[in-house]
Amino acid sequence: MPNMMLPPEERNLTPEQVESLDRRRDWGLTLQVIAGQFAVISTLLSLWAGQDLTYSPGWAHPMAYYMGIALTIVLVAGSVGTYLRRGTVRID
């Protein structure tokens, strides 16, 4: 008898499909962790980015560029990780 707590599309999966589903969700969690780490890094970079934008001449703003790259990584890795972890929570 299938587990009724699972969504209907996940009730009758083969063992290979379950492994694939677990692997997808593990990659999603990995990407969410990477996004969280880069969120901390971009928070620290924000302390220097304001000063960099104020005092650096012309287009020479490396800290602001690093912060922009870090925020892009946060948004991309976080959204892809959340998409990959869609579905019910695995209970270990």
PDB file of N, CA and C in Angstrom:
ATOM      1  N   MET A   1       0.854  -1.180   0.000  1.00  0.00           N
ATOM      2  CA  MET A   1       0.000   0.000   0.000  1.00  0.00           C
ATOM      3  C   MET A   1       0.894   1.237   0.000  1.00  0.00           C
ATOM      4  N   PRO A   2       0.608   2.201  -0.857  1.00  0.00           N
ATOM      5  CA  PRO A   2       1.456   3.389  -0.925  1.00  0.00           C
ATOM      6  C   PRO A   2       1.290   4.262   0.311  1.00  0.00           C
ATOM      7  N   ASN A   3       2.332   5.025   0.583  1.00  0.00           N
ATOM      8  CA  ASN A   3       2.311   5.970   1.695  1.00  0.00           C
ATOM      9  C   ASN A   3       1.415   7.143   1.323  1.00  0.00           C
ATOM     10  N   MET A   4       0.340   7.347   2.056  1.00  0.00           N
ATOM     11  CA  MET A   4      -0.642   8.380   1.727  1.00  0.00           C
ATOM     12  C   MET A   4      -0.153   9.784   2.108  1.00  0.00           C
ATOM     13  N   MET A   5       0.954   9.895   2.842  1.00  0.00           N
ATOM     14  CA  MET A   5       1.491  11.212   3.191  1.00  0.00           C
ATOM     15  C   MET A   5       2.276  11.819   2.025  1.00  0.00           C
ATOM     16  N   LEU A   6       2.643  11.004   1.032  1.00  0.00           N
ATOM     17  CA  LEU A   6       3.374  11.498  -0.130  1.00  0.00           C
ATOM     18  C   LEU A   6       2.413  12.071  -1.158  1.00  0.00           C
ATOM     19  N   PRO A   7       2.890  13.003  -1.981  1.00  0.00           N
ATOM     20  CA  PRO A   7       2.033  13.480  -3.063  1.00  0.00           C
ATOM     21  C   PRO A   7       1.721  12.339  -4.032  1.00  0.00           C
ATOM     22  N   PRO A   8       0.617  12.413  -4.753  1.00  0.00           N
ATOM     23  CA  PRO A   8       0.221  11.304  -5.642  1.00  0.00           C
ATOM     24  C   PRO A   8       1.282  10.921  -6.672  1.00  0.00           C
ATOM     25  N   GLU A   9       2.044  11.889  -7.186  1.00  0.00           N
ATOM     26  CA  GLU A   9       3.042  11.565  -8.210  1.00  0.00           C
ATOM     27  C   GLU A   9       4.273  10.854  -7.652  1.00  0.00           C
ATOM     28  N   GLU A  10       4.434  10.827  -6.317  1.00  0.00           N
ATOM     29  CA  GLU A  10       5.593  10.175  -5.716  1.00  0.00           C
ATOM     30  C   GLU A  10       5.236   8.857  -5.025  1.00  0.00           C
ATOM     31  N   ARG A  11       4.032   8.416  -5.109  1.00  0.00           N
ATOM     32  CA  ARG A  11       3.610   7.229  -4.353  1.00  0.00           C
ATOM     33  C   ARG A  11       4.078   5.916  -4.957  1.00  0.00           C
ATOM     34  N   ASN A  12       4.193   5.828  -6.242  1.00  0.00           N
ATOM     35  CA  ASN A  12       4.511   4.562  -6.887  1.00  0.00           C
ATOM     36  C   ASN A  12       5.815   4.636  -7.670  1.00  0.00           C
ATOM     37  N   LEU A  13       6.852   5.181  -7.071  1.00  0.00           N
ATOM     38  CA  LEU A  13       8.138   5.308  -7.744  1.00  0.00           C
ATOM     39  C   LEU A  13       8.944   4.024  -7.613  1.00  0.00           C
ATOM     40  N   THR A  14       9.771   3.767  -8.611  1.00  0.00           N
ATOM     41  CA  THR A  14      10.690   2.635  -8.541  1.00  0.00           C
ATOM     42  C   THR A  14      11.873   3.028  -7.664  1.00  0.00           C
ATOM     43  N   PRO A  15      12.668   2.067  -7.191  1.00  0.00           N
ATOM     44  CA  PRO A  15      13.838   2.410  -6.377  1.00  0.00           C
ATOM     45  C   PRO A  15      14.812   3.363  -7.093  1.00  0.00           C
ATOM     46  N   GLU A  16      14.978   3.204  -8.404  1.00  0.00           N
ATOM     47  CA  GLU A  16      15.861   4.098  -9.148  1.00  0.00           C
ATOM     48  C   GLU A  16      15.315   5.519  -9.170  1.00  0.00           C
ATOM     49  N   GLN A  17      14.010   5.653  -9.293  1.00  0.00           N
ATOM     50  CA  GLN A  17      13.398   6.982  -9.303  1.00  0.00           C
ATOM     51  C   GLN A  17      13.496   7.635  -7.926  1.00  0.00           C
ATOM     52  N   VAL A  18      13.396   6.829  -6.875  1.00  0.00           N
ATOM     53  CA  VAL A  18      13.539   7.367  -5.513  1.00  0.00           C
ATOM     54  C   VAL A  18      14.961   7.869  -5.298  1.00  0.00           C
ATOM     55  N   GLU A  19      15.950   7.117  -5.765  1.00  0.00           N
ATOM     56  CA  GLU A  19      17.338   7.558  -5.648  1.00  0.00           C
ATOM     57  C   GLU A  19      17.571   8.845  -6.420  1.00  0.00           C
ATOM     58  N   SER A  20      16.993   8.945  -7.610  1.00  0.00           N
ATOM     59  CA  SER A  20      17.119  10.157  -8.404  1.00  0.00           C
ATOM     60  C   SER A  20      16.463  11.344  -7.697  1.00  0.00           C
ATOM     61  N   LEU A  21      15.318  11.115  -7.103  1.00  0.00           N
ATOM     62  CA  LEU A  21      14.620  12.172  -6.357  1.00  0.00           C
ATOM     63  C   LEU A  21      15.440  12.623  -5.159  1.00  0.00           C
ATOM     64  N   ASP A  22      16.018  11.672  -4.426  1.00  0.00           N
ATOM     65  CA  ASP A  22      16.850  12.016  -3.277  1.00  0.00           C
ATOM     66  C   ASP A  22      18.097  12.783  -3.706  1.00  0.00           C
ATOM     67  N   ARG A  23      18.693  12.377  -4.810  1.00  0.00           N
ATOM     68  CA  ARG A  23      19.887  13.061  -5.318  1.00  0.00           C
ATOM     69  C   ARG A  23      19.546  14.497  -5.716  1.00  0.00           C
ATOM     70  N   ARG A  24      18.392  14.688  -6.365  1.00  0.00           N
ATOM     71  CA  ARG A  24      17.961  16.036  -6.755  1.00  0.00           C
ATOM     72  C   ARG A  24      17.757  16.912  -5.533  1.00  0.00           C
ATOM     73  N   ARG A  25      17.117  16.362  -4.514  1.00  0.00           N
ATOM     74  CA  ARG A  25      16.870  17.153  -3.300  1.00  0.00           C
ATOM     75  C   ARG A  25      18.159  17.416  -2.534  1.00  0.00           C
ATOM     76  N   ASP A  26      19.109  16.479  -2.572  1.00  0.00           N
ATOM     77  CA  ASP A  26      20.402  16.721  -1.925  1.00  0.00           C
ATOM     78  C   ASP A  26      21.164  17.840  -2.620  1.00  0.00           C
ATOM     79  N   TRP A  27      21.120  17.879  -3.966  1.00  0.00           N
ATOM     80  CA  TRP A  27      21.749  18.968  -4.692  1.00  0.00           C
ATOM     81  C   TRP A  27      21.061  20.294  -4.375  1.00  0.00           C
ATOM     82  N   GLY A  28      19.761  20.263  -4.207  1.00  0.00           N
ATOM     83  CA  GLY A  28      19.040  21.481  -3.839  1.00  0.00           C
ATOM     84  C   GLY A  28      19.485  22.013  -2.495  1.00  0.00           C
ATOM     85  N   LEU A  29      19.651  21.107  -1.530  1.00  0.00           N
ATOM     86  CA  LEU A  29      20.110  21.527  -0.210  1.00  0.00           C
ATOM     87  C   LEU A  29      21.530  22.073  -0.287  1.00  0.00           C
ATOM     88  N   THR A  30      22.385  21.438  -1.090  1.00  0.00           N
ATOM     89  CA  THR A  30      23.756  21.922  -1.254  1.00  0.00           C
ATOM     90  C   THR A  30      23.767  23.341  -1.811  1.00  0.00           C
ATOM     91  N   LEU A  31      22.946  23.591  -2.814  1.00  0.00           N
ATOM     92  CA  LEU A  31      22.886  24.936  -3.385  1.00  0.00           C
ATOM     93  C   LEU A  31      22.314  25.952  -2.401  1.00  0.00           C
ATOM     94  N   GLN A  32      21.376  25.538  -1.569  1.00  0.00           N
ATOM     95  CA  GLN A  32      20.848  26.445  -0.554  1.00  0.00           C
ATOM     96  C   GLN A  32      21.903  26.778   0.496  1.00  0.00           C
ATOM     97  N   VAL A  33      22.734  25.821   0.850  1.00  0.00           N
ATOM     98  CA  VAL A  33      23.820  26.076   1.805  1.00  0.00           C
ATOM     99  C   VAL A  33      24.831  27.036   1.195  1.00  0.00           C
ATOM    100  N   ILE A  34      25.181  26.829  -0.076  1.00  0.00           N
ATOM    101  CA  ILE A  34      26.106  27.741  -0.758  1.00  0.00           C
ATOM    102  C   ILE A  34      25.521  29.151  -0.793  1.00  0.00           C
ATOM    103  N   ALA A  35      24.238  29.262  -1.068  1.00  0.00           N
ATOM    104  CA  ALA A  35      23.589  30.575  -1.080  1.00  0.00           C
ATOM    105  C   ALA A  35      23.652  31.231   0.295  1.00  0.00           C
ATOM    106  N   GLY A  36      23.457  30.453   1.341  1.00  0.00           N
ATOM    107  CA  GLY A  36      23.543  31.003   2.694  1.00  0.00           C
ATOM    108  C   GLY A  36      24.942  31.484   3.038  1.00  0.00           C
ATOM    109  N   GLN A  37      25.948  30.732   2.620  1.00  0.00           N
ATOM    110  CA  GLN A  37      27.324  31.148   2.882  1.00  0.00           C
ATOM    111  C   GLN A  37      27.666  32.424   2.120  1.00  0.00           C
ATOM    112  N   PHE A  38      27.232  32.508   0.875  1.00  0.00           N
ATOM    113  CA  PHE A  38      27.481  33.729   0.118  1.00  0.00           C
ATOM    114  C   PHE A  38      26.653  34.893   0.640  1.00  0.00           C
ATOM    115  N   ALA A  39      25.529  34.646   1.272  1.00  0.00           N
ATOM    116  CA  ALA A  39      24.753  35.729   1.890  1.00  0.00           C
ATOM    117  C   ALA A  39      25.540  36.343   3.043  1.00  0.00           C
ATOM    118  N   VAL A  40      26.204  35.500   3.820  1.00  0.00           N
ATOM    119  CA  VAL A  40      27.054  36.019   4.907  1.00  0.00           C
ATOM    120  C   VAL A  40      28.213  36.810   4.319  1.00  0.00           C
ATOM    121  N   ILE A  41      28.831  36.290   3.274  1.00  0.00           N
ATOM    122  CA  ILE A  41      29.951  36.986   2.635  1.00  0.00           C
ATOM    123  C   ILE A  41      29.496  38.331   2.062  1.00  0.00           C
ATOM    124  N   SER A  42      28.339  38.357   1.405  1.00  0.00           N
ATOM    125  CA  SER A  42      27.869  39.624   0.826  1.00  0.00           C
ATOM    126  C   SER A  42      27.482  40.619   1.919  1.00  0.00           C
ATOM    127  N   THR A  43      27.028  40.127   3.067  1.00  0.00           N
ATOM    128  CA  THR A  43      26.752  41.033   4.189  1.00  0.00           C
ATOM    129  C   THR A  43      28.037  41.688   4.673  1.00  0.00           C
ATOM    130  N   LEU A  44      29.093  40.904   4.778  1.00  0.00           N
ATOM    131  CA  LEU A  44      30.381  41.481   5.180  1.00  0.00           C
ATOM    132  C   LEU A  44      30.923  42.422   4.108  1.00  0.00           C
ATOM    133  N   LEU A  45      30.746  42.061   2.844  1.00  0.00           N
ATOM    134  CA  LEU A  45      31.214  42.935   1.770  1.00  0.00           C
ATOM    135  C   LEU A  45      30.447  44.247   1.735  1.00  0.00           C
ATOM    136  N   SER A  46      29.201  44.234   2.194  1.00  0.00           N
ATOM    137  CA  SER A  46      28.419  45.473   2.170  1.00  0.00           C
ATOM    138  C   SER A  46      29.030  46.537   3.084  1.00  0.00           C
ATOM    139  N   LEU A  47      29.796  46.099   4.090  1.00  0.00           N
ATOM    140  CA  LEU A  47      30.455  47.064   4.968  1.00  0.00           C
ATOM    141  C   LEU A  47      31.498  47.882   4.208  1.00  0.00           C
ATOM    142  N   TRP A  48      32.174  47.242   3.259  1.00  0.00           N
ATOM    143  CA  TRP A  48      33.214  47.923   2.495  1.00  0.00           C
ATOM    144  C   TRP A  48      32.712  48.484   1.176  1.00  0.00           C
ATOM    145  N   ALA A  49      31.621  47.978   0.668  1.00  0.00           N
ATOM    146  CA  ALA A  49      31.144  48.418  -0.644  1.00  0.00           C
ATOM    147  C   ALA A  49      30.701  49.880  -0.611  1.00  0.00           C
ATOM    148  N   GLY A  50      30.052  50.297   0.433  1.00  0.00           N
ATOM    149  CA  GLY A  50      29.630  51.696   0.545  1.00  0.00           C
ATOM    150  C   GLY A  50      30.815  52.641   0.566  1.00  0.00           C
ATOM    151  N   GLN A  51      31.824  52.275   1.336  1.00  0.00           N
ATOM    152  CA  GLN A  51      33.030  53.088   1.388  1.00  0.00           C
ATOM    153  C   GLN A  51      33.737  53.083   0.025  1.00  0.00           C
ATOM    154  N   ASP A  52      33.753  51.940  -0.615  1.00  0.00           N
ATOM    155  CA  ASP A  52      34.386  51.815  -1.920  1.00  0.00           C
ATOM    156  C   ASP A  52      33.677  52.689  -2.953  1.00  0.00           C
ATOM    157  N   LEU A  53      32.351  52.684  -2.927  1.00  0.00           N
ATOM    158  CA  LEU A  53      31.602  53.503  -3.880  1.00  0.00           C
ATOM    159  C   LEU A  53      31.778  54.997  -3.601  1.00  0.00           C
ATOM    160  N   THR A  54      32.002  55.352  -2.338  1.00  0.00           N
ATOM    161  CA  THR A  54      32.143  56.759  -1.977  1.00  0.00           C
ATOM    162  C   THR A  54      33.519  57.306  -2.329  1.00  0.00           C
ATOM    163  N   TYR A  55      34.567  56.539  -2.032  1.00  0.00           N
ATOM    164  CA  TYR A  55      35.914  57.093  -2.121  1.00  0.00           C
ATOM    165  C   TYR A  55      36.729  56.647  -3.332  1.00  0.00           C
ATOM    166  N   SER A  56      36.343  55.602  -4.025  1.00  0.00           N
ATOM    167  CA  SER A  56      37.128  55.153  -5.180  1.00  0.00           C
ATOM    168  C   SER A  56      36.784  55.995  -6.408  1.00  0.00           C
ATOM    169  N   PRO A  57      37.795  56.354  -7.183  1.00  0.00           N
ATOM    170  CA  PRO A  57      37.541  57.209  -8.352  1.00  0.00           C
ATOM    171  C   PRO A  57      37.055  56.406  -9.554  1.00  0.00           C
ATOM    172  N   GLY A  58      36.236  57.033 -10.372  1.00  0.00           N
ATOM    173  CA  GLY A  58      35.807  56.435 -11.634  1.00  0.00           C
ATOM    174  C   GLY A  58      35.100  55.106 -11.482  1.00  0.00           C
ATOM    175  N   TRP A  59      35.506  54.136 -12.321  1.00  0.00           N
ATOM    176  CA  TRP A  59      34.888  52.817 -12.328  1.00  0.00           C
ATOM    177  C   TRP A  59      35.659  51.814 -11.479  1.00  0.00           C
ATOM    178  N   ALA A  60      36.604  52.248 -10.689  1.00  0.00           N
ATOM    179  CA  ALA A  60      37.431  51.352  -9.880  1.00  0.00           C
ATOM    180  C   ALA A  60      36.738  51.095  -8.537  1.00  0.00           C
ATOM    181  N   HIS A  61      35.797  50.153  -8.536  1.00  0.00           N
ATOM    182  CA  HIS A  61      35.057  49.815  -7.321  1.00  0.00           C
ATOM    183  C   HIS A  61      35.071  48.303  -7.115  1.00  0.00           C
ATOM    184  N   PRO A  62      36.211  47.710  -6.805  1.00  0.00           N
ATOM    185  CA  PRO A  62      36.270  46.238  -6.734  1.00  0.00           C
ATOM    186  C   PRO A  62      35.362  45.641  -5.664  1.00  0.00           C
ATOM    187  N   MET A  63      35.243  46.262  -4.510  1.00  0.00           N
ATOM    188  CA  MET A  63      34.396  45.695  -3.452  1.00  0.00           C
ATOM    189  C   MET A  63      32.927  45.709  -3.864  1.00  0.00           C
ATOM    190  N   ALA A  64      32.515  46.743  -4.554  1.00  0.00           N
ATOM    191  CA  ALA A  64      31.130  46.794  -5.028  1.00  0.00           C
ATOM    192  C   ALA A  64      30.891  45.712  -6.070  1.00  0.00           C
ATOM    193  N   TYR A  65      31.871  45.471  -6.929  1.00  0.00           N
ATOM    194  CA  TYR A  65      31.740  44.414  -7.926  1.00  0.00           C
ATOM    195  C   TYR A  65      31.697  43.047  -7.262  1.00  0.00           C
ATOM    196  N   TYR A  66      32.559  42.827  -6.261  1.00  0.00           N
ATOM    197  CA  TYR A  66      32.551  41.551  -5.541  1.00  0.00           C
ATOM    198  C   TYR A  66      31.207  41.332  -4.847  1.00  0.00           C
ATOM    199  N   MET A  67      30.656  42.405  -4.276  1.00  0.00           N
ATOM    200  CA  MET A  67      29.366  42.283  -3.610  1.00  0.00           C
ATOM    201  C   MET A  67      28.268  41.969  -4.624  1.00  0.00           C
ATOM    202  N   GLY A  68      28.319  42.595  -5.783  1.00  0.00           N
ATOM    203  CA  GLY A  68      27.340  42.303  -6.823  1.00  0.00           C
ATOM    204  C   GLY A  68      27.420  40.860  -7.293  1.00  0.00           C
ATOM    205  N   ILE A  69      28.637  40.356  -7.444  1.00  0.00           N
ATOM    206  CA  ILE A  69      28.821  38.955  -7.839  1.00  0.00           C
ATOM    207  C   ILE A  69      28.293  38.028  -6.743  1.00  0.00           C
ATOM    208  N   ALA A  70      28.594  38.343  -5.481  1.00  0.00           N
ATOM    209  CA  ALA A  70      28.131  37.510  -4.369  1.00  0.00           C
ATOM    210  C   ALA A  70      26.606  37.512  -4.287  1.00  0.00           C
ATOM    211  N   LEU A  71      25.977  38.665  -4.483  1.00  0.00           N
ATOM    212  CA  LEU A  71      24.515  38.727  -4.446  1.00  0.00           C
ATOM    213  C   LEU A  71      23.891  37.961  -5.615  1.00  0.00           C
ATOM    214  N   THR A  72      24.551  37.991  -6.764  1.00  0.00           N
ATOM    215  CA  THR A  72      24.063  37.219  -7.903  1.00  0.00           C
ATOM    216  C   THR A  72      24.126  35.725  -7.611  1.00  0.00           C
ATOM    217  N   ILE A  73      25.224  35.291  -6.994  1.00  0.00           N
ATOM    218  CA  ILE A  73      25.358  33.883  -6.617  1.00  0.00           C
ATOM    219  C   ILE A  73      24.284  33.498  -5.601  1.00  0.00           C
ATOM    220  N   VAL A  74      24.011  34.381  -4.646  1.00  0.00           N
ATOM    221  CA  VAL A  74      22.973  34.110  -3.643  1.00  0.00           C
ATOM    222  C   VAL A  74      21.622  33.926  -4.319  1.00  0.00           C
ATOM    223  N   LEU A  75      21.273  34.822  -5.218  1.00  0.00           N
ATOM    224  CA  LEU A  75      19.964  34.749  -5.866  1.00  0.00           C
ATOM    225  C   LEU A  75      19.840  33.523  -6.765  1.00  0.00           C
ATOM    226  N   VAL A  76      20.867  33.242  -7.554  1.00  0.00           N
ATOM    227  CA  VAL A  76      20.799  32.118  -8.483  1.00  0.00           C
ATOM    228  C   VAL A  76      20.838  30.789  -7.735  1.00  0.00           C
ATOM    229  N   ALA A  77      21.830  30.618  -6.846  1.00  0.00           N
ATOM    230  CA  ALA A  77      21.960  29.347  -6.126  1.00  0.00           C
ATOM    231  C   ALA A  77      20.763  29.119  -5.200  1.00  0.00           C
ATOM    232  N   GLY A  78      20.273  30.178  -4.572  1.00  0.00           N
ATOM    233  CA  GLY A  78      19.119  30.022  -3.682  1.00  0.00           C
ATOM    234  C   GLY A  78      17.851  29.648  -4.418  1.00  0.00           C
ATOM    235  N   SER A  79      17.616  30.287  -5.546  1.00  0.00           N
ATOM    236  CA  SER A  79      16.387  29.972  -6.279  1.00  0.00           C
ATOM    237  C   SER A  79      16.458  28.597  -6.948  1.00  0.00           C
ATOM    238  N   VAL A  80      17.615  28.241  -7.516  1.00  0.00           N
ATOM    239  CA  VAL A  80      17.753  26.911  -8.121  1.00  0.00           C
ATOM    240  C   VAL A  80      17.682  25.832  -7.040  1.00  0.00           C
ATOM    241  N   GLY A  81      18.326  26.076  -5.894  1.00  0.00           N
ATOM    242  CA  GLY A  81      18.270  25.114  -4.801  1.00  0.00           C
ATOM    243  C   GLY A  81      16.868  24.920  -4.261  1.00  0.00           C
ATOM    244  N   THR A  82      16.125  26.001  -4.147  1.00  0.00           N
ATOM    245  CA  THR A  82      14.745  25.896  -3.688  1.00  0.00           C
ATOM    246  C   THR A  82      13.888  25.150  -4.707  1.00  0.00           C
ATOM    247  N   TYR A  83      14.143  25.390  -5.992  1.00  0.00           N
ATOM    248  CA  TYR A  83      13.396  24.682  -7.036  1.00  0.00           C
ATOM    249  C   TYR A  83      13.701  23.179  -6.993  1.00  0.00           C
ATOM    250  N   LEU A  84      14.966  22.823  -6.787  1.00  0.00           N
ATOM    251  CA  LEU A  84      15.339  21.406  -6.761  1.00  0.00           C
ATOM    252  C   LEU A  84      14.795  20.696  -5.521  1.00  0.00           C
ATOM    253  N   ARG A  85      14.585  21.421  -4.439  1.00  0.00           N
ATOM    254  CA  ARG A  85      14.090  20.798  -3.212  1.00  0.00           C
ATOM    255  C   ARG A  85      12.574  20.783  -3.122  1.00  0.00           C
ATOM    256  N   ARG A  86      11.903  21.099  -4.219  1.00  0.00           N
ATOM    257  CA  ARG A  86      10.433  21.125  -4.188  1.00  0.00           C
ATOM    258  C   ARG A  86       9.900  19.725  -3.868  1.00  0.00           C
ATOM    259  N   GLY A  87       8.716  19.690  -3.346  1.00  0.00           N
ATOM    260  CA  GLY A  87       8.126  18.411  -2.963  1.00  0.00           C
ATOM    261  C   GLY A  87       8.069  18.279  -1.446  1.00  0.00           C
ATOM    262  N   THR A  88       7.778  17.091  -0.987  1.00  0.00           N
ATOM    263  CA  THR A  88       7.676  16.880   0.440  1.00  0.00           C
ATOM    264  C   THR A  88       9.047  16.733   1.071  1.00  0.00           C
ATOM    265  N   VAL A  89       9.102  16.966   2.342  1.00  0.00           N
ATOM    266  CA  VAL A  89      10.344  16.866   3.089  1.00  0.00           C
ATOM    267  C   VAL A  89      10.644  15.400   3.365  1.00  0.00           C
ATOM    268  N   ARG A  90      11.896  15.012   3.135  1.00  0.00           N
ATOM    269  CA  ARG A  90      12.305  13.631   3.403  1.00  0.00           C
ATOM    270  C   ARG A  90      12.543  13.480   4.894  1.00  0.00           C
ATOM    271  N   ILE A  91      11.987  12.445   5.479  1.00  0.00           N
ATOM    272  CA  ILE A  91      12.159  12.175   6.903  1.00  0.00           C
ATOM    273  C   ILE A  91      13.192  11.077   7.047  1.00  0.00           C
ATOM    274  N   ASP A  92      14.325  11.391   7.660  1.00  0.00           N
ATOM    275  CA  ASP A  92      15.392  10.397   7.825  1.00  0.00           C
ATOM    276  C   ASP A  92      15.282   9.673   9.138  1.00  0.00           C
TER     277      ASP A  92
END
